[in-house]
PDB file of N, CA and C in Angstrom:
ATOM      1  N   MET A   1      35.817-109.751 -66.231  1.00  0.00           N
ATOM      2  CA  MET A   1      35.240-109.767 -65.015  1.00  0.00           C
ATOM      3  C   MET A   1      34.019-109.135 -65.345  1.00  0.00           C
ATOM      4  N   THR A   2      32.894-109.161 -64.885  1.00  0.00           N
ATOM      5  CA  THR A   2      31.647-108.152 -65.108  1.00  0.00           C
ATOM      6  C   THR A   2      31.720-107.172 -64.328  1.00  0.00           C
ATOM      7  N   ILE A   3      30.896-105.686 -64.357  1.00  0.00           N
ATOM      8  CA  ILE A   3      31.037-104.794 -63.570  1.00  0.00           C
ATOM      9  C   ILE A   3      30.657-105.018 -62.109  1.00  0.00           C
ATOM     10  N   GLY A   4      29.958-106.224 -62.011  1.00  0.00           N
ATOM     11  CA  GLY A   4      30.002-106.474 -60.332  1.00  0.00           C
ATOM     12  C   GLY A   4      30.943-107.042 -59.608  1.00  0.00           C
ATOM     13  N   GLU A   5      31.712-107.577 -60.538  1.00  0.00           N
ATOM     14  CA  GLU A   5      33.238-108.070 -60.249  1.00  0.00           C
ATOM     15  C   GLU A   5      33.451-107.486 -59.049  1.00  0.00           C
ATOM     16  N   ILE A   6      34.113-106.224 -61.005  1.00  0.00           N
ATOM     17  CA  ILE A   6      35.077-105.368 -60.190  1.00  0.00           C
ATOM     18  C   ILE A   6      35.035-104.423 -59.408  1.00  0.00           C
ATOM     19  N   ALA A   7      33.344-104.318 -59.496  1.00  0.00           N
ATOM     20  CA  ALA A   7      32.955-103.342 -58.549  1.00  0.00           C
ATOM     21  C   ALA A   7      32.576-104.117 -56.608  1.00  0.00           C
ATOM     22  N   ALA A   8      33.054-104.765 -56.654  1.00  0.00           N
ATOM     23  CA  ALA A   8      33.385-105.994 -55.506  1.00  0.00           C
ATOM     24  C   ALA A   8      34.808-105.880 -54.920  1.00  0.00           C
ATOM     25  N   LYS A   9      35.467-105.836 -56.334  1.00  0.00           N
ATOM     26  CA  LYS A   9      36.877-105.990 -56.066  1.00  0.00           C
ATOM     27  C   LYS A   9      37.658-104.748 -55.977  1.00  0.00           C
ATOM     28  N   THR A  10      36.546-103.775 -56.306  1.00  0.00           N
ATOM     29  CA  THR A  10      38.067-102.645 -56.356  1.00  0.00           C
ATOM     30  C   THR A  10      37.178-101.475 -55.375  1.00  0.00           C
ATOM     31  N   SER A  11      36.138-102.113 -54.724  1.00  0.00           N
ATOM     32  CA  SER A  11      34.973-101.465 -53.468  1.00  0.00           C
ATOM     33  C   SER A  11      34.084-100.155 -53.597  1.00  0.00           C
ATOM     34  N   LEU A  12      34.456 -99.579 -55.161  1.00  0.00           N
ATOM     35  CA  LEU A  12      33.251 -99.012 -55.943  1.00  0.00           C
ATOM     36  C   LEU A  12      32.368 -99.607 -56.966  1.00  0.00           C
ATOM     37  N   PRO A  13      31.062 -98.563 -56.147  1.00  0.00           N
ATOM     38  CA  PRO A  13      29.907 -99.048 -56.997  1.00  0.00           C
ATOM     39  C   PRO A  13      29.900 -98.848 -57.993  1.00  0.00           C
ATOM     40  N   ALA A  14      29.450 -99.620 -59.140  1.00  0.00           N
ATOM     41  CA  ALA A  14      28.675 -99.939 -60.764  1.00  0.00           C
ATOM     42  C   ALA A  14      28.734 -98.356 -60.949  1.00  0.00           C
ATOM     43  N   SER A  15      28.083 -97.807 -60.737  1.00  0.00           N
ATOM     44  CA  SER A  15      27.209 -96.932 -60.837  1.00  0.00           C
ATOM     45  C   SER A  15      28.810 -95.778 -61.020  1.00  0.00           C
ATOM     46  N   THR A  16      29.174 -95.485 -60.239  1.00  0.00           N
ATOM     47  CA  THR A  16      31.004 -94.910 -60.419  1.00  0.00           C
ATOM     48  C   THR A  16      31.747 -95.235 -61.209  1.00  0.00           C
ATOM     49  N   LEU A  17      31.715 -96.641 -61.637  1.00  0.00           N
ATOM     50  CA  LEU A  17      32.161 -97.526 -62.485  1.00  0.00           C
ATOM     51  C   LEU A  17      32.057 -97.208 -64.134  1.00  0.00           C
ATOM     52  N   ARG A  18      30.785 -96.967 -64.079  1.00  0.00           N
ATOM     53  CA  ARG A  18      29.970 -96.423 -65.597  1.00  0.00           C
ATOM     54  C   ARG A  18      30.583 -94.867 -65.753  1.00  0.00           C
ATOM     55  N   TYR A  19      30.580 -94.351 -64.688  1.00  0.00           N
ATOM     56  CA  TYR A  19      30.991 -93.198 -64.491  1.00  0.00           C
ATOM     57  C   TYR A  19      32.177 -92.740 -65.094  1.00  0.00           C
ATOM     58  N   TYR A  20      32.999 -93.567 -64.716  1.00  0.00           N
ATOM     59  CA  TYR A  20      34.712 -93.530 -64.724  1.00  0.00           C
ATOM     60  C   TYR A  20      34.091 -93.781 -66.673  1.00  0.00           C
ATOM     61  N   GLU A  21      33.836 -94.689 -66.732  1.00  0.00           N
ATOM     62  CA  GLU A  21      33.547 -95.091 -68.380  1.00  0.00           C
ATOM     63  C   GLU A  21      33.315 -93.654 -69.675  1.00  0.00           C
ATOM     64  N   LYS A  22      32.213 -93.177 -68.850  1.00  0.00           N
ATOM     65  CA  LYS A  22      31.642 -92.135 -69.627  1.00  0.00           C
ATOM     66  C   LYS A  22      32.410 -91.132 -69.432  1.00  0.00           C
ATOM     67  N   LEU A  23      33.566 -90.539 -68.588  1.00  0.00           N
ATOM     68  CA  LEU A  23      34.385 -90.020 -68.940  1.00  0.00           C
ATOM     69  C   LEU A  23      35.584 -90.085 -69.825  1.00  0.00           C
ATOM     70  N   GLY A  24      35.910 -91.669 -69.976  1.00  0.00           N
ATOM     71  CA  GLY A  24      37.058 -91.652 -70.771  1.00  0.00           C
ATOM     72  C   GLY A  24      38.038 -91.985 -69.851  1.00  0.00           C
ATOM     73  N   LEU A  25      37.895 -92.301 -68.176  1.00  0.00           N
ATOM     74  CA  LEU A  25      38.614 -92.472 -67.693  1.00  0.00           C
ATOM     75  C   LEU A  25      39.206 -93.781 -67.583  1.00  0.00           C
ATOM     76  N   ILE A  26      38.004 -94.708 -67.718  1.00  0.00           N
ATOM     77  CA  ILE A  26      38.693 -96.593 -68.078  1.00  0.00           C
ATOM     78  C   ILE A  26      37.805 -96.974 -69.382  1.00  0.00           C
ATOM     79  N   GLN A  27      38.359 -97.796 -69.848  1.00  0.00           N
ATOM     80  CA  GLN A  27      37.909 -98.293 -71.520  1.00  0.00           C
ATOM     81  C   GLN A  27      37.743 -99.954 -71.099  1.00  0.00           C
ATOM     82  N   VAL A  28      36.282-100.092 -71.582  1.00  0.00           N
ATOM     83  CA  VAL A  28      36.149-101.402 -71.292  1.00  0.00           C
ATOM     84  C   VAL A  28      35.884-102.201 -72.450  1.00  0.00           C
ATOM     85  N   ASP A  29      36.208-103.656 -72.081  1.00  0.00           N
ATOM     86  CA  ASP A  29      35.767-104.712 -73.543  1.00  0.00           C
ATOM     87  C   ASP A  29      34.461-104.533 -73.321  1.00  0.00           C
ATOM     88  N   ARG A  30      33.875-105.005 -74.713  1.00  0.00           N
ATOM     89  CA  ARG A  30      32.368-105.792 -74.601  1.00  0.00           C
ATOM     90  C   ARG A  30      32.179-107.028 -74.985  1.00  0.00           C
ATOM     91  N   LYS A  31      31.594-107.549 -74.324  1.00  0.00           N
ATOM     92  CA  LYS A  31      31.201-109.017 -75.232  1.00  0.00           C
ATOM     93  C   LYS A  31      30.341-108.453 -76.187  1.00  0.00           C
ATOM     94  N   PRO A  32      29.948-109.855 -77.092  1.00  0.00           N
ATOM     95  CA  PRO A  32      28.997-109.752 -78.601  1.00  0.00           C
ATOM     96  C   PRO A  32      27.946-109.078 -77.391  1.00  0.00           C
ATOM     97  N   ASN A  33      27.358-109.667 -77.029  1.00  0.00           N
ATOM     98  CA  ASN A  33      26.134-108.856 -76.061  1.00  0.00           C
ATOM     99  C   ASN A  33      26.029-107.742 -75.527  1.00  0.00           C
ATOM    100  N   GLY A  34      27.261-107.184 -75.492  1.00  0.00           N
ATOM    101  CA  GLY A  34      27.316-105.840 -74.810  1.00  0.00           C
ATOM    102  C   GLY A  34      27.505-105.720 -73.711  1.00  0.00           C
ATOM    103  N   GLN A  35      27.607-106.922 -72.789  1.00  0.00           N
ATOM    104  CA  GLN A  35      28.167-106.764 -71.154  1.00  0.00           C
ATOM    105  C   GLN A  35      29.780-106.452 -71.250  1.00  0.00           C
ATOM    106  N   ARG A  36      29.556-106.123 -70.718  1.00  0.00           N
ATOM    107  CA  ARG A  36      31.014-105.288 -69.822  1.00  0.00           C
ATOM    108  C   ARG A  36      31.952-106.233 -69.611  1.00  0.00           C
ATOM    109  N   CYS A  37      33.049-106.240 -69.943  1.00  0.00           N
ATOM    110  CA  CYS A  37      33.978-107.059 -69.406  1.00  0.00           C
ATOM    111  C   CYS A  37      35.495-106.464 -69.349  1.00  0.00           C
ATOM    112  N   TYR A  38      35.937-106.790 -67.899  1.00  0.00           N
ATOM    113  CA  TYR A  38      37.019-105.813 -67.581  1.00  0.00           C
ATOM    114  C   TYR A  38      38.182-107.017 -67.165  1.00  0.00           C
ATOM    115  N   ALA A  39      39.253-106.077 -67.211  1.00  0.00           N
ATOM    116  CA  ALA A  39      40.226-107.288 -67.137  1.00  0.00           C
ATOM    117  C   ALA A  39      40.684-107.204 -65.782  1.00  0.00           C
ATOM    118  N   GLU A  40      41.565-107.483 -65.534  1.00  0.00           N
ATOM    119  CA  GLU A  40      42.385-108.241 -64.216  1.00  0.00           C
ATOM    120  C   GLU A  40      43.275-106.617 -63.922  1.00  0.00           C
ATOM    121  N   SER A  41      44.199-106.386 -64.898  1.00  0.00           N
ATOM    122  CA  SER A  41      45.086-104.992 -65.202  1.00  0.00           C
ATOM    123  C   SER A  41      43.719-103.945 -64.468  1.00  0.00           C
ATOM    124  N   ASP A  42      42.509-103.938 -64.909  1.00  0.00           N
ATOM    125  CA  ASP A  42      41.490-103.008 -64.796  1.00  0.00           C
ATOM    126  C   ASP A  42      41.375-102.298 -63.330  1.00  0.00           C
ATOM    127  N   ILE A  43      41.773-103.405 -62.268  1.00  0.00           N
ATOM    128  CA  ILE A  43      41.424-103.117 -60.858  1.00  0.00           C
ATOM    129  C   ILE A  43      43.038-102.570 -60.657  1.00  0.00           C
ATOM    130  N   ALA A  44      44.237-102.718 -61.072  1.00  0.00           N
ATOM    131  CA  ALA A  44      45.297-101.703 -60.507  1.00  0.00           C
ATOM    132  C   ALA A  44      45.299 -99.832 -61.279  1.00  0.00           C
ATOM    133  N   TRP A  45      44.523-100.069 -62.372  1.00  0.00           N
ATOM    134  CA  TRP A  45      44.685 -98.654 -62.897  1.00  0.00           C
ATOM    135  C   TRP A  45      43.099 -97.915 -62.230  1.00  0.00           C
ATOM    136  N   ILE A  46      42.069 -98.794 -62.081  1.00  0.00           N
ATOM    137  CA  ILE A  46      41.427 -98.068 -61.359  1.00  0.00           C
ATOM    138  C   ILE A  46      41.476 -97.591 -59.521  1.00  0.00           C
ATOM    139  N   GLY A  47      42.164 -98.312 -59.293  1.00  0.00           N
ATOM    140  CA  GLY A  47      43.241 -98.086 -57.434  1.00  0.00           C
ATOM    141  C   GLY A  47      44.427 -96.888 -58.216  1.00  0.00           C
ATOM    142  N   PHE A  48      44.576 -96.517 -59.170  1.00  0.00           N
ATOM    143  CA  PHE A  48      45.468 -95.574 -59.617  1.00  0.00           C
ATOM    144  C   PHE A  48      44.936 -94.356 -59.644  1.00  0.00           C
ATOM    145  N   ILE A  49      43.525 -94.454 -60.311  1.00  0.00           N
ATOM    146  CA  ILE A  49      42.552 -93.538 -60.610  1.00  0.00           C
ATOM    147  C   ILE A  49      41.929 -92.707 -59.613  1.00  0.00           C
ATOM    148  N   ARG A  50      41.738 -93.332 -58.422  1.00  0.00           N
ATOM    149  CA  ARG A  50      41.552 -93.473 -57.351  1.00  0.00           C
ATOM    150  C   ARG A  50      42.447 -92.310 -56.285  1.00  0.00           C
ATOM    151  N   ARG A  51      44.039 -93.021 -56.168  1.00  0.00           N
ATOM    152  CA  ARG A  51      44.697 -92.532 -55.657  1.00  0.00           C
ATOM    153  C   ARG A  51      45.307 -90.693 -55.997  1.00  0.00           C
ATOM    154  N   LEU A  52      45.181 -90.941 -57.067  1.00  0.00           N
ATOM    155  CA  LEU A  52      44.987 -89.247 -58.431  1.00  0.00           C
ATOM    156  C   LEU A  52      43.683 -88.357 -57.647  1.00  0.00           C
ATOM    157  N   LYS A  53      42.794 -88.772 -57.437  1.00  0.00           N
ATOM    158  CA  LYS A  53      41.660 -88.284 -57.071  1.00  0.00           C
ATOM    159  C   LYS A  53      41.967 -87.610 -55.138  1.00  0.00           C
ATOM    160  N   GLU A  54      42.365 -88.371 -54.757  1.00  0.00           N
ATOM    161  CA  GLU A  54      42.123 -88.352 -53.472  1.00  0.00           C
ATOM    162  C   GLU A  54      43.393 -87.407 -53.316  1.00  0.00           C
ATOM    163  N   THR A  55      44.764 -87.484 -54.063  1.00  0.00           N
ATOM    164  CA  THR A  55      45.335 -86.977 -53.374  1.00  0.00           C
ATOM    165  C   THR A  55      45.209 -85.524 -54.074  1.00  0.00           C
ATOM    166  N   GLY A  56      44.058 -85.168 -54.189  1.00  0.00           N
ATOM    167  CA  GLY A  56      43.490 -83.586 -55.053  1.00  0.00           C
ATOM    168  C   GLY A  56      43.817 -83.474 -56.832  1.00  0.00           C
ATOM    169  N   MET A  57      44.299 -84.437 -57.417  1.00  0.00           N
ATOM    170  CA  MET A  57      44.007 -83.896 -59.041  1.00  0.00           C
ATOM    171  C   MET A  57      43.078 -83.876 -59.765  1.00  0.00           C
ATOM    172  N   LYS A  58      42.782 -82.534 -60.497  1.00  0.00           N
ATOM    173  CA  LYS A  58      41.397 -82.688 -60.848  1.00  0.00           C
ATOM    174  C   LYS A  58      41.127 -83.463 -61.766  1.00  0.00           C
ATOM    175  N   LEU A  59      39.904 -83.587 -62.085  1.00  0.00           N
ATOM    176  CA  LEU A  59      39.342 -84.724 -62.546  1.00  0.00           C
ATOM    177  C   LEU A  59      39.416 -84.102 -64.256  1.00  0.00           C
ATOM    178  N   CYS A  60      39.545 -83.413 -64.784  1.00  0.00           N
ATOM    179  CA  CYS A  60      40.251 -82.665 -66.308  1.00  0.00           C
ATOM    180  C   CYS A  60      41.764 -83.137 -66.325  1.00  0.00           C
ATOM    181  N   ASP A  61      42.316 -83.360 -65.129  1.00  0.00           N
ATOM    182  CA  ASP A  61      43.846 -83.774 -65.208  1.00  0.00           C
ATOM    183  C   ASP A  61      43.992 -85.111 -65.533  1.00  0.00           C
ATOM    184  N   ILE A  62      43.037 -85.919 -64.804  1.00  0.00           N
ATOM    185  CA  ILE A  62      43.425 -87.450 -64.817  1.00  0.00           C
ATOM    186  C   ILE A  62      42.213 -87.872 -66.048  1.00  0.00           C
ATOM    187  N   GLN A  63      41.339 -87.429 -66.957  1.00  0.00           N
ATOM    188  CA  GLN A  63      41.194 -86.920 -68.114  1.00  0.00           C
ATOM    189  C   GLN A  63      42.041 -87.279 -69.021  1.00  0.00           C
ATOM    190  N   LYS A  64      43.017 -86.128 -68.986  1.00  0.00           N
ATOM    191  CA  LYS A  64      43.896 -86.466 -70.082  1.00  0.00           C
ATOM    192  C   LYS A  64      45.368 -87.305 -69.824  1.00  0.00           C
ATOM    193  N   TYR A  65      45.333 -87.490 -68.469  1.00  0.00           N
ATOM    194  CA  TYR A  65      46.408 -88.341 -67.914  1.00  0.00           C
ATOM    195  C   TYR A  65      45.689 -89.801 -68.519  1.00  0.00           C
ATOM    196  N   ALA A  66      44.358 -90.521 -68.174  1.00  0.00           N
ATOM    197  CA  ALA A  66      43.639 -91.376 -68.779  1.00  0.00           C
ATOM    198  C   ALA A  66      43.759 -91.719 -70.377  1.00  0.00           C
ATOM    199  N   ARG A  67      43.892 -90.268 -70.992  1.00  0.00           N
ATOM    200  CA  ARG A  67      43.988 -90.289 -72.573  1.00  0.00           C
ATOM    201  C   ARG A  67      44.959 -90.768 -72.782  1.00  0.00           C
ATOM    202  N   LEU A  68      46.479 -90.312 -72.521  1.00  0.00           N
ATOM    203  CA  LEU A  68      47.480 -90.225 -72.378  1.00  0.00           C
ATOM    204  C   LEU A  68      48.054 -91.393 -72.513  1.00  0.00           C
ATOM    205  N   ARG A  69      47.484 -92.687 -71.640  1.00  0.00           N
ATOM    206  CA  ARG A  69      47.836 -93.705 -71.200  1.00  0.00           C
ATOM    207  C   ARG A  69      47.155 -94.519 -72.300  1.00  0.00           C
ATOM    208  N   TYR A  70      45.607 -94.130 -72.556  1.00  0.00           N
ATOM    209  CA  TYR A  70      45.219 -95.293 -73.795  1.00  0.00           C
ATOM    210  C   TYR A  70      45.701 -95.257 -74.866  1.00  0.00           C
ATOM    211  N   ALA A  71      46.636 -94.044 -75.409  1.00  0.00           N
ATOM    212  CA  ALA A  71      47.493 -93.858 -76.201  1.00  0.00           C
ATOM    213  C   ALA A  71      48.404 -94.242 -76.350  1.00  0.00           C
ATOM    214  N   GLY A  72      48.910 -94.989 -75.627  1.00  0.00           N
ATOM    215  CA  GLY A  72      50.095 -96.054 -75.270  1.00  0.00           C
ATOM    216  C   GLY A  72      51.412 -95.358 -75.639  1.00  0.00           C
ATOM    217  N   ALA A  73      52.675 -96.236 -75.081  1.00  0.00           N
ATOM    218  CA  ALA A  73      53.487 -95.602 -74.249  1.00  0.00           C
ATOM    219  C   ALA A  73      54.538 -93.899 -75.365  1.00  0.00           C
ATOM    220  N   SER A  74      54.168 -94.055 -76.087  1.00  0.00           N
ATOM    221  CA  SER A  74      54.827 -93.335 -76.714  1.00  0.00           C
ATOM    222  C   SER A  74      54.194 -91.563 -75.830  1.00  0.00           C
ATOM    223  N   THR A  75      53.246 -91.733 -75.024  1.00  0.00           N
ATOM    224  CA  THR A  75      52.908 -90.349 -74.250  1.00  0.00           C
ATOM    225  C   THR A  75      53.629 -90.297 -73.271  1.00  0.00           C
ATOM    226  N   MET A  76      54.489 -92.072 -72.566  1.00  0.00           N
ATOM    227  CA  MET A  76      54.720 -91.602 -71.245  1.00  0.00           C
ATOM    228  C   MET A  76      55.648 -90.361 -70.882  1.00  0.00           C
ATOM    229  N   PRO A  77      56.235 -89.774 -71.711  1.00  0.00           N
ATOM    230  CA  PRO A  77      57.277 -88.368 -71.535  1.00  0.00           C
ATOM    231  C   PRO A  77      55.840 -87.032 -70.477  1.00  0.00           C
ATOM    232  N   GLU A  78      55.341 -87.273 -71.417  1.00  0.00           N
ATOM    233  CA  GLU A  78      53.969 -86.502 -71.184  1.00  0.00           C
ATOM    234  C   GLU A  78      52.904 -86.692 -69.728  1.00  0.00           C
ATOM    235  N   ARG A  79      52.916 -88.206 -69.757  1.00  0.00           N
ATOM    236  CA  ARG A  79      52.325 -88.563 -68.093  1.00  0.00           C
ATOM    237  C   ARG A  79      53.637 -88.322 -67.231  1.00  0.00           C
ATOM    238  N   LEU A  80      54.284 -88.707 -67.471  1.00  0.00           N
ATOM    239  CA  LEU A  80      55.520 -88.368 -66.038  1.00  0.00           C
ATOM    240  C   LEU A  80      55.929 -86.878 -65.677  1.00  0.00           C
ATOM    241  N   ALA A  81      55.738 -86.038 -67.023  1.00  0.00           N
ATOM    242  CA  ALA A  81      55.175 -84.658 -66.470  1.00  0.00           C
ATOM    243  C   ALA A  81      54.649 -84.571 -65.778  1.00  0.00           C
ATOM    244  N   MET A  82      53.331 -84.305 -66.029  1.00  0.00           N
ATOM    245  CA  MET A  82      52.015 -84.823 -65.572  1.00  0.00           C
ATOM    246  C   MET A  82      52.283 -85.321 -64.094  1.00  0.00           C
ATOM    247  N   LEU A  83      52.795 -86.217 -63.819  1.00  0.00           N
ATOM    248  CA  LEU A  83      53.320 -87.104 -62.286  1.00  0.00           C
ATOM    249  C   LEU A  83      54.027 -85.875 -61.064  1.00  0.00           C
ATOM    250  N   VAL A  84      54.675 -85.568 -62.667  1.00  0.00           N
ATOM    251  CA  VAL A  84      55.918 -85.362 -61.310  1.00  0.00           C
ATOM    252  C   VAL A  84      55.092 -83.652 -60.505  1.00  0.00           C
ATOM    253  N   LEU A  85      54.669 -82.857 -61.727  1.00  0.00           N
ATOM    254  CA  LEU A  85      53.795 -81.706 -61.634  1.00  0.00           C
ATOM    255  C   LEU A  85      53.089 -82.283 -60.371  1.00  0.00           C
ATOM    256  N   HIS A  86      52.320 -83.462 -60.031  1.00  0.00           N
ATOM    257  CA  HIS A  86      51.238 -83.276 -59.229  1.00  0.00           C
ATOM    258  C   HIS A  86      52.013 -83.715 -57.706  1.00  0.00           C
ATOM    259  N   GLN A  87      52.937 -84.723 -58.249  1.00  0.00           N
ATOM    260  CA  GLN A  87      54.330 -84.460 -56.941  1.00  0.00           C
ATOM    261  C   GLN A  87      53.969 -83.574 -56.416  1.00  0.00           C
ATOM    262  N   GLN A  88      54.584 -82.252 -56.902  1.00  0.00           N
ATOM    263  CA  GLN A  88      54.732 -81.198 -56.820  1.00  0.00           C
ATOM    264  C   GLN A  88      54.164 -80.228 -55.525  1.00  0.00           C
ATOM    265  N   TYR A  89      52.439 -80.720 -56.648  1.00  0.00           N
ATOM    266  CA  TYR A  89      51.200 -80.172 -55.791  1.00  0.00           C
ATOM    267  C   TYR A  89      51.509 -80.679 -54.272  1.00  0.00           C
ATOM    268  N   VAL A  90      51.290 -82.184 -54.715  1.00  0.00           N
ATOM    269  CA  VAL A  90      51.301 -83.246 -53.235  1.00  0.00           C
ATOM    270  C   VAL A  90      51.910 -82.971 -51.843  1.00  0.00           C
ATOM    271  N   LEU A  91      53.193 -82.239 -52.360  1.00  0.00           N
ATOM    272  CA  LEU A  91      54.326 -82.066 -51.359  1.00  0.00           C
ATOM    273  C   LEU A  91      53.771 -80.472 -50.665  1.00  0.00           C
ATOM    274  N   GLU A  92      53.352 -79.918 -51.862  1.00  0.00           N
ATOM    275  CA  GLU A  92      52.656 -78.498 -50.977  1.00  0.00           C
ATOM    276  C   GLU A  92      51.819 -78.616 -49.766  1.00  0.00           C
ATOM    277  N   GLN A  93      50.905 -79.338 -50.680  1.00  0.00           N
ATOM    278  CA  GLN A  93      49.902 -79.756 -49.309  1.00  0.00           C
ATOM    279  C   GLN A  93      50.234 -80.434 -48.060  1.00  0.00           C
ATOM    280  N   GLN A  94      51.203 -81.294 -48.272  1.00  0.00           N
ATOM    281  CA  GLN A  94      51.979 -81.765 -46.817  1.00  0.00           C
ATOM    282  C   GLN A  94      52.221 -80.691 -46.098  1.00  0.00           C
ATOM    283  N   GLN A  95      52.891 -80.269 -46.783  1.00  0.00           N
ATOM    284  CA  GLN A  95      53.419 -78.941 -45.992  1.00  0.00           C
ATOM    285  C   GLN A  95      52.582 -78.227 -45.575  1.00  0.00           C
ATOM    286  N   LYS A  96      51.575 -77.624 -46.142  1.00  0.00           N
ATOM    287  CA  LYS A  96      50.487 -76.944 -45.462  1.00  0.00           C
ATOM    288  C   LYS A  96      50.203 -77.759 -44.411  1.00  0.00           C
ATOM    289  N   TRP A  97      49.377 -78.530 -44.855  1.00  0.00           N
ATOM    290  CA  TRP A  97      48.949 -79.554 -43.491  1.00  0.00           C
ATOM    291  C   TRP A  97      49.582 -79.283 -42.338  1.00  0.00           C
ATOM    292  N   GLN A  98      50.824 -79.900 -42.532  1.00  0.00           N
ATOM    293  CA  GLN A  98      52.187 -79.478 -41.247  1.00  0.00           C
ATOM    294  C   GLN A  98      51.705 -78.648 -40.375  1.00  0.00           C
ATOM    295  N   GLU A  99      51.836 -77.390 -41.412  1.00  0.00           N
ATOM    296  CA  GLU A  99      51.678 -75.928 -40.517  1.00  0.00           C
ATOM    297  C   GLU A  99      50.387 -76.005 -40.003  1.00  0.00           C
ATOM    298  N   TYR A 100      49.294 -76.433 -40.750  1.00  0.00           N
ATOM    299  CA  TYR A 100      48.102 -76.054 -39.959  1.00  0.00           C
ATOM    300  C   TYR A 100      48.111 -77.127 -38.221  1.00  0.00           C
ATOM    301  N   GLY A 101      48.710 -78.392 -38.810  1.00  0.00           N
ATOM    302  CA  GLY A 101      48.671 -79.746 -37.437  1.00  0.00           C
ATOM    303  C   GLY A 101      49.869 -78.546 -36.625  1.00  0.00           C
ATOM    304  N   ARG A 102      50.959 -78.404 -36.509  1.00  0.00           N
ATOM    305  CA  ARG A 102      51.603 -76.878 -35.443  1.00  0.00           C
ATOM    306  C   ARG A 102      50.649 -76.342 -35.183  1.00  0.00           C
ATOM    307  N   ASN A 103      49.908 -75.204 -35.721  1.00  0.00           N
ATOM    308  CA  ASN A 103      48.829 -74.187 -35.625  1.00  0.00           C
ATOM    309  C   ASN A 103      47.787 -74.699 -34.502  1.00  0.00           C
ATOM    310  N   LEU A 104      47.291 -76.118 -34.592  1.00  0.00           N
ATOM    311  CA  LEU A 104      46.565 -76.411 -33.439  1.00  0.00           C
ATOM    312  C   LEU A 104      47.247 -76.896 -32.495  1.00  0.00           C
ATOM    313  N   GLU A 105      48.263 -77.766 -32.411  1.00  0.00           N
ATOM    314  CA  GLU A 105      49.234 -77.728 -31.410  1.00  0.00           C
ATOM    315  C   GLU A 105      49.402 -77.103 -30.476  1.00  0.00           C
ATOM    316  N   GLU A 106      49.516 -75.666 -30.949  1.00  0.00           N
ATOM    317  CA  GLU A 106      49.605 -74.427 -30.528  1.00  0.00           C
ATOM    318  C   GLU A 106      48.676 -73.817 -29.601  1.00  0.00           C
ATOM    319  N   LYS A 107      47.134 -74.136 -30.308  1.00  0.00           N
ATOM    320  CA  LYS A 107      46.145 -73.983 -29.480  1.00  0.00           C
ATOM    321  C   LYS A 107      45.803 -74.134 -28.492  1.00  0.00           C
ATOM    322  N   ILE A 108      45.877 -75.712 -28.597  1.00  0.00           N
ATOM    323  CA  ILE A 108      45.859 -76.786 -27.843  1.00  0.00           C
ATOM    324  C   ILE A 108      46.415 -76.650 -26.645  1.00  0.00           C
ATOM    325  N   ALA A 109      47.820 -76.246 -27.197  1.00  0.00           N
ATOM    326  CA  ALA A 109      48.718 -76.005 -25.569  1.00  0.00           C
ATOM    327  C   ALA A 109      48.109 -74.682 -24.849  1.00  0.00           C
ATOM    328  N   PHE A 110      47.845 -73.727 -25.479  1.00  0.00           N
ATOM    329  CA  PHE A 110      47.237 -72.476 -24.820  1.00  0.00           C
ATOM    330  C   PHE A 110      46.091 -72.868 -24.205  1.00  0.00           C
ATOM    331  N   TYR A 111      44.921 -73.606 -24.452  1.00  0.00           N
ATOM    332  CA  TYR A 111      44.088 -74.059 -23.723  1.00  0.00           C
ATOM    333  C   TYR A 111      44.582 -75.140 -22.574  1.00  0.00           C
ATOM    334  N   LYS A 112      45.387 -75.679 -22.412  1.00  0.00           N
ATOM    335  CA  LYS A 112      45.362 -76.844 -21.439  1.00  0.00           C
ATOM    336  C   LYS A 112      46.123 -75.476 -20.786  1.00  0.00           C
ATOM    337  N   HIS A 113      47.105 -74.727 -20.725  1.00  0.00           N
ATOM    338  CA  HIS A 113      47.953 -73.989 -19.960  1.00  0.00           C
ATOM    339  C   HIS A 113      46.917 -73.311 -19.302  1.00  0.00           C
ATOM    340  N   GLU A 114      46.039 -72.642 -20.157  1.00  0.00           N
ATOM    341  CA  GLU A 114      45.007 -71.355 -19.464  1.00  0.00           C
ATOM    342  C   GLU A 114      43.882 -72.281 -18.758  1.00  0.00           C
ATOM    343  N   ILE A 115      43.552 -73.601 -18.785  1.00  0.00           N
ATOM    344  CA  ILE A 115      42.410 -74.324 -18.187  1.00  0.00           C
ATOM    345  C   ILE A 115      43.264 -74.820 -17.079  1.00  0.00           C
ATOM    346  N   GLY A 116      44.713 -74.728 -16.963  1.00  0.00           N
ATOM    347  CA  GLY A 116      45.348 -75.248 -15.489  1.00  0.00           C
ATOM    348  C   GLY A 116      45.996 -74.353 -14.644  1.00  0.00           C
ATOM    349  N   ARG A 117      45.485 -72.756 -15.018  1.00  0.00           N
ATOM    350  CA  ARG A 117      45.306 -71.699 -14.582  1.00  0.00           C
ATOM    351  C   ARG A 117      44.375 -71.374 -13.766  1.00  0.00           C
ATOM    352  N   LEU A 118      43.095 -72.323 -14.057  1.00  0.00           N
ATOM    353  CA  LEU A 118      41.814 -71.686 -13.482  1.00  0.00           C
ATOM    354  C   LEU A 118      41.375 -72.562 -12.188  1.00  0.00           C
TER     355      LEU A 118
END
């Protein structure tokens, strides 16, 4: 696939895909003329990168994960450890946001009660 085709399939601009490549997050084959040639499997990998970013994984950690991924199966234990650690972070963030939500509910209930007394 060309960069335009994968951009359409991943809903990412070509500039972001080039940036990911520059950072080493994705490794892209090239045709003899130098044109990028993405594989179908790159779609799932790019989606995973996005989910890592969206769940708050630091870019330097995503880069490390990508390097390990491209190094092969022997790095699976290290990648697993990274994901377990990140999962713990995500769970902590969820708990924090649940607490924030409860605090908002309490404040909303307070204002409704006070406004009802006016």
